[in-house]
């Protein structure tokens, strides 16, 4: 099972990103563990310059904007 981390401090864009990730998972019929990471030190450990960010199995896939469902499904494929 994949682990997807949503990096962000809990802002509206980060919350929307979590919703989009869940919509993409549902559309794909895929199960994954979705984890919100709000701790700034943990976020910094991924070397992202802007949040929200989406990390799939410890690989940064998307950063700096609310992704579309298509962007998330492409990142998960």
C-alpha atoms as a PDB file:
ATOM      1  CA  UNK A   1       0.000   0.000   0.000  1.00  0.00           C
ATOM      2  CA  UNK A   2       1.287   3.435  -0.935  1.00  0.00           C
ATOM      3  CA  UNK A   3       1.817   6.143   1.649  1.00  0.00           C
ATOM      4  CA  UNK A   4       0.894   9.653   0.548  1.00  0.00           C
ATOM      5  CA  UNK A   5       1.946  12.603   2.665  1.00  0.00           C
ATOM      6  CA  UNK A   6       0.390  16.039   2.385  1.00  0.00           C
ATOM      7  CA  UNK A   7       2.957  18.600   3.531  1.00  0.00           C
ATOM      8  CA  UNK A   8       1.602  21.893   4.795  1.00  0.00           C
ATOM      9  CA  UNK A   9       0.789  23.931   7.857  1.00  0.00           C
ATOM     10  CA  UNK A  10      -2.962  23.378   7.708  1.00  0.00           C
ATOM     11  CA  UNK A  11      -3.816  26.268   5.394  1.00  0.00           C
ATOM     12  CA  UNK A  12      -6.916  26.124   3.133  1.00  0.00           C
ATOM     13  CA  UNK A  13      -4.765  25.082   0.141  1.00  0.00           C
ATOM     14  CA  UNK A  14      -3.329  22.186   2.143  1.00  0.00           C
ATOM     15  CA  UNK A  15      -6.800  21.049   3.171  1.00  0.00           C
ATOM     16  CA  UNK A  16      -7.981  21.272  -0.442  1.00  0.00           C
ATOM     17  CA  UNK A  17      -4.966  19.235  -1.542  1.00  0.00           C
ATOM     18  CA  UNK A  18      -5.963  16.483   0.886  1.00  0.00           C
ATOM     19  CA  UNK A  19      -9.474  16.465  -0.604  1.00  0.00           C
ATOM     20  CA  UNK A  20      -8.089  16.245  -4.150  1.00  0.00           C
ATOM     21  CA  UNK A  21      -5.787  13.358  -3.176  1.00  0.00           C
ATOM     22  CA  UNK A  22      -8.734  11.479  -1.692  1.00  0.00           C
ATOM     23  CA  UNK A  23     -10.833  12.149  -4.812  1.00  0.00           C
ATOM     24  CA  UNK A  24      -8.015  10.823  -7.011  1.00  0.00           C
ATOM     25  CA  UNK A  25      -7.693   7.687  -4.896  1.00  0.00           C
ATOM     26  CA  UNK A  26     -11.427   7.101  -5.115  1.00  0.00           C
ATOM     27  CA  UNK A  27     -11.438   7.652  -8.887  1.00  0.00           C
ATOM     28  CA  UNK A  28      -8.600   5.153  -9.278  1.00  0.00           C
ATOM     29  CA  UNK A  29     -10.128   2.626  -6.904  1.00  0.00           C
ATOM     30  CA  UNK A  30      -6.857   2.666  -4.999  1.00  0.00           C
ATOM     31  CA  UNK A  31      -6.246   2.388  -1.289  1.00  0.00           C
ATOM     32  CA  UNK A  32      -3.423   4.351   0.266  1.00  0.00           C
ATOM     33  CA  UNK A  33      -2.406   5.654   3.644  1.00  0.00           C
ATOM     34  CA  UNK A  34      -2.845   9.443   3.589  1.00  0.00           C
ATOM     35  CA  UNK A  35      -0.891  11.338   6.228  1.00  0.00           C
ATOM     36  CA  UNK A  36      -0.935  15.068   6.939  1.00  0.00           C
ATOM     37  CA  UNK A  37       2.449  16.493   7.917  1.00  0.00           C
ATOM     38  CA  UNK A  38       2.161  19.877   9.615  1.00  0.00           C
ATOM     39  CA  UNK A  39       5.410  19.946  11.585  1.00  0.00           C
ATOM     40  CA  UNK A  40       7.706  22.521   9.974  1.00  0.00           C
ATOM     41  CA  UNK A  41      10.882  20.548  10.711  1.00  0.00           C
ATOM     42  CA  UNK A  42       9.461  17.429   9.065  1.00  0.00           C
ATOM     43  CA  UNK A  43       8.320  19.501   6.071  1.00  0.00           C
ATOM     44  CA  UNK A  44      11.786  21.060   5.767  1.00  0.00           C
ATOM     45  CA  UNK A  45      13.365  17.594   5.715  1.00  0.00           C
ATOM     46  CA  UNK A  46      11.795  17.092   2.262  1.00  0.00           C
ATOM     47  CA  UNK A  47      13.531  20.230   0.911  1.00  0.00           C
ATOM     48  CA  UNK A  48      10.325  21.677  -0.529  1.00  0.00           C
ATOM     49  CA  UNK A  49      10.299  25.419  -1.126  1.00  0.00           C
ATOM     50  CA  UNK A  50       6.522  25.853  -1.188  1.00  0.00           C
ATOM     51  CA  UNK A  51       3.512  24.067   0.236  1.00  0.00           C
ATOM     52  CA  UNK A  52       1.220  22.318  -0.195  1.00  0.00           C
ATOM     53  CA  UNK A  53       3.327  19.399  -1.349  1.00  0.00           C
ATOM     54  CA  UNK A  54       2.433  15.796  -2.112  1.00  0.00           C
ATOM     55  CA  UNK A  55       4.914  13.043  -1.268  1.00  0.00           C
ATOM     56  CA  UNK A  56       4.328   9.501  -2.557  1.00  0.00           C
ATOM     57  CA  UNK A  57       6.338   6.748  -0.878  1.00  0.00           C
ATOM     58  CA  UNK A  58       8.922   9.327   0.281  1.00  0.00           C
ATOM     59  CA  UNK A  59       9.318  10.896  -3.193  1.00  0.00           C
ATOM     60  CA  UNK A  60       8.209  14.527  -3.589  1.00  0.00           C
ATOM     61  CA  UNK A  61       5.822  14.565  -6.561  1.00  0.00           C
ATOM     62  CA  UNK A  62       3.978  17.914  -6.459  1.00  0.00           C
ATOM     63  CA  UNK A  63       4.738  21.224  -4.740  1.00  0.00           C
ATOM     64  CA  UNK A  64       3.541  24.790  -4.439  1.00  0.00           C
ATOM     65  CA  UNK A  65      -0.067  24.530  -5.608  1.00  0.00           C
ATOM     66  CA  UNK A  66      -3.315  22.637  -5.158  1.00  0.00           C
ATOM     67  CA  UNK A  67      -3.005  19.838  -7.702  1.00  0.00           C
ATOM     68  CA  UNK A  68      -5.750  18.646  -9.995  1.00  0.00           C
ATOM     69  CA  UNK A  69      -7.131  15.138  -9.732  1.00  0.00           C
ATOM     70  CA  UNK A  70      -5.294  14.324 -12.989  1.00  0.00           C
ATOM     71  CA  UNK A  71      -1.971  15.545 -11.584  1.00  0.00           C
ATOM     72  CA  UNK A  72      -2.434  13.326  -8.545  1.00  0.00           C
ATOM     73  CA  UNK A  73      -3.458  10.281 -10.573  1.00  0.00           C
ATOM     74  CA  UNK A  74      -0.424  10.809 -12.833  1.00  0.00           C
ATOM     75  CA  UNK A  75       1.823  11.033  -9.759  1.00  0.00           C
ATOM     76  CA  UNK A  76       0.387   7.796  -8.416  1.00  0.00           C
ATOM     77  CA  UNK A  77       0.690   5.870 -11.676  1.00  0.00           C
END
